C-alpha atoms as a PDB file:
ATOM      1  CA  MET A   1      19.032  -4.644 -26.586  1.00  0.00           C
ATOM      2  CA  THR A   2      19.755  -0.653 -26.719  1.00  0.00           C
ATOM      3  CA  ASP A   3      20.802   0.391 -29.962  1.00  0.00           C
ATOM      4  CA  ILE A   4      24.057   2.500 -29.016  1.00  0.00           C
ATOM      5  CA  LYS A   5      24.772   5.305 -31.550  1.00  0.00           C
ATOM      6  CA  VAL A   6      28.149   7.306 -32.128  1.00  0.00           C
ATOM      7  CA  LYS A   7      28.101  11.138 -32.869  1.00  0.00           C
ATOM      8  CA  SER A   8      30.629  10.733 -35.468  1.00  0.00           C
ATOM      9  CA  SER A   9      29.966  12.992 -39.059  1.00  0.00           C
ATOM     10  CA  TYR A  10      30.040  16.625 -38.236  1.00  0.00           C
ATOM     11  CA  ILE A  11      27.855  17.872 -41.327  1.00  0.00           C
ATOM     12  CA  ASN A  12      26.014  21.304 -41.696  1.00  0.00           C
ATOM     13  CA  ASN A  13      26.870  22.428 -38.151  1.00  0.00           C
ATOM     14  CA  GLU A  14      25.254  19.165 -36.621  1.00  0.00           C
ATOM     15  CA  PHE A  15      26.590  15.926 -35.572  1.00  0.00           C
ATOM     16  CA  GLU A  16      25.431  12.819 -37.291  1.00  0.00           C
ATOM     17  CA  ASP A  17      24.280   9.549 -35.705  1.00  0.00           C
ATOM     18  CA  GLU A  18      25.797   6.139 -36.505  1.00  0.00           C
ATOM     19  CA  SER A  19      25.717   2.857 -35.326  1.00  0.00           C
ATOM     20  CA  VAL A  20      28.787   1.720 -33.095  1.00  0.00           C
ATOM     21  CA  TYR A  21      29.377  -1.269 -35.750  1.00  0.00           C
ATOM     22  CA  SER A  22      29.622   1.573 -38.410  1.00  0.00           C
ATOM     23  CA  TYR A  23      31.966   3.918 -36.768  1.00  0.00           C
ATOM     24  CA  CYS A  24      34.219   0.941 -35.468  1.00  0.00           C
ATOM     25  CA  SER A  25      34.312  -0.528 -39.037  1.00  0.00           C
ATOM     26  CA  LYS A  26      35.433   3.029 -40.435  1.00  0.00           C
ATOM     27  CA  LEU A  27      37.914   3.140 -37.808  1.00  0.00           C
ATOM     28  CA  SER A  28      39.534  -0.252 -38.420  1.00  0.00           C
ATOM     29  CA  LYS A  29      39.638   0.662 -42.189  1.00  0.00           C
ATOM     30  CA  ARG A  30      41.328   4.093 -41.488  1.00  0.00           C
ATOM     31  CA  ASN A  31      43.992   2.075 -39.166  1.00  0.00           C
ATOM     32  CA  ASN A  32      44.636  -0.298 -42.184  1.00  0.00           C
ATOM     33  CA  SER A  33      45.150   2.164 -44.673  1.00  0.00           C
ATOM     34  CA  ILE A  34      48.031   3.380 -42.459  1.00  0.00           C
ATOM     35  CA  LEU A  35      49.768   0.156 -43.653  1.00  0.00           C
ATOM     36  CA  PHE A  36      49.441   1.155 -46.994  1.00  0.00           C
ATOM     37  CA  LEU A  37      50.911   4.534 -46.256  1.00  0.00           C
ATOM     38  CA  LEU A  38      53.588   3.521 -44.655  1.00  0.00           C
ATOM     39  CA  GLU A  39      54.700   1.153 -47.129  1.00  0.00           C
ATOM     40  CA  SER A  40      54.451   3.878 -49.759  1.00  0.00           C
ATOM     41  CA  TYR A  41      56.361   6.272 -47.790  1.00  0.00           C
ATOM     42  CA  LEU A  42      59.402   3.712 -46.818  1.00  0.00           C
ATOM     43  CA  ASN A  43      59.033   2.460 -50.301  1.00  0.00           C
ATOM     44  CA  LYS A  44      59.133  -1.062 -48.981  1.00  0.00           C
ATOM     45  CA  LYS A  45      56.849  -3.719 -47.657  1.00  0.00           C
ATOM     46  CA  LEU A  46      56.644  -3.883 -43.985  1.00  0.00           C
ATOM     47  CA  LEU A  47      57.334  -7.984 -43.762  1.00  0.00           C
ATOM     48  CA  SER A  48      60.747  -7.277 -45.504  1.00  0.00           C
ATOM     49  CA  ASP A  49      62.120  -5.847 -41.772  1.00  0.00           C
ATOM     50  CA  SER A  50      61.549  -7.614 -38.272  1.00  0.00           C
ATOM     51  CA  GLU A  51      60.704  -4.230 -36.686  1.00  0.00           C
ATOM     52  CA  LEU A  52      58.573  -2.977 -39.322  1.00  0.00           C
ATOM     53  CA  ALA A  53      56.680  -6.388 -39.248  1.00  0.00           C
ATOM     54  CA  GLU A  54      56.120  -5.971 -35.523  1.00  0.00           C
ATOM     55  CA  ILE A  55      54.360  -2.393 -36.185  1.00  0.00           C
ATOM     56  CA  ARG A  56      52.430  -4.141 -38.980  1.00  0.00           C
ATOM     57  CA  ASN A  57      51.299  -6.637 -36.336  1.00  0.00           C
ATOM     58  CA  VAL A  58      50.353  -4.002 -33.857  1.00  0.00           C
ATOM     59  CA  ILE A  59      48.177  -2.070 -36.451  1.00  0.00           C
ATOM     60  CA  LEU A  60      46.504  -5.372 -37.564  1.00  0.00           C
ATOM     61  CA  THR A  61      45.795  -6.360 -34.099  1.00  0.00           C
ATOM     62  CA  VAL A  62      44.594  -2.972 -32.952  1.00  0.00           C
ATOM     63  CA  SER A  63      42.156  -3.020 -36.384  1.00  0.00           C
ATOM     64  CA  ALA A  64      40.736  -6.426 -35.107  1.00  0.00           C
ATOM     65  CA  ASP A  65      40.175  -5.211 -31.661  1.00  0.00           C
ATOM     66  CA  ILE A  66      38.135  -1.917 -33.057  1.00  0.00           C
ATOM     67  CA  ILE A  67      36.212  -4.288 -35.421  1.00  0.00           C
ATOM     68  CA  ARG A  68      35.089  -6.522 -32.401  1.00  0.00           C
ATOM     69  CA  LEU A  69      34.470  -3.780 -30.080  1.00  0.00           C
ATOM     70  CA  PRO A  70      30.685  -3.559 -30.786  1.00  0.00           C
ATOM     71  CA  SER A  71      30.121  -7.070 -30.023  1.00  0.00           C
ATOM     72  CA  LEU A  72      31.789  -6.527 -26.454  1.00  0.00           C
ATOM     73  CA  LEU A  73      29.973  -3.335 -25.394  1.00  0.00           C
ATOM     74  CA  TYR A  74      26.665  -3.681 -23.429  1.00  0.00           C
ATOM     75  CA  VAL A  75      24.493  -1.518 -21.513  1.00  0.00           C
ATOM     76  CA  GLU A  76      23.664  -2.262 -17.615  1.00  0.00           C
ATOM     77  CA  ASP A  77      20.718  -1.926 -16.036  1.00  0.00           C
ATOM     78  CA  GLY A  78      19.868   1.878 -16.073  1.00  0.00           C
ATOM     79  CA  ASP A  79      18.029   4.646 -17.680  1.00  0.00           C
ATOM     80  CA  GLU A  80      18.441   4.162 -21.493  1.00  0.00           C
ATOM     81  CA  ASN A  81      18.580   7.908 -22.199  1.00  0.00           C
ATOM     82  CA  GLU A  82      21.302   8.542 -19.559  1.00  0.00           C
ATOM     83  CA  GLY A  83      23.836   7.499 -22.566  1.00  0.00           C
ATOM     84  CA  LEU A  84      27.224   5.815 -21.590  1.00  0.00           C
END
């Protein structure tokens, strides 16, 4: 299986490559941190209100989908160097 990389971090005027799993893991964690920020900003738990609980559920669902993404990706027949 081809190891797919993501150009993610921009350091010293160059992009750094990292695995799709690592990149998705970082995105998922950032997404989850929004829950904490929202609760801090609102000064209340998201589960205390039905509309806020729905927002919380959407954020957690997106985080779960992001973390599963690497296991769902595959490269079909073709040149490995042509990219995605």
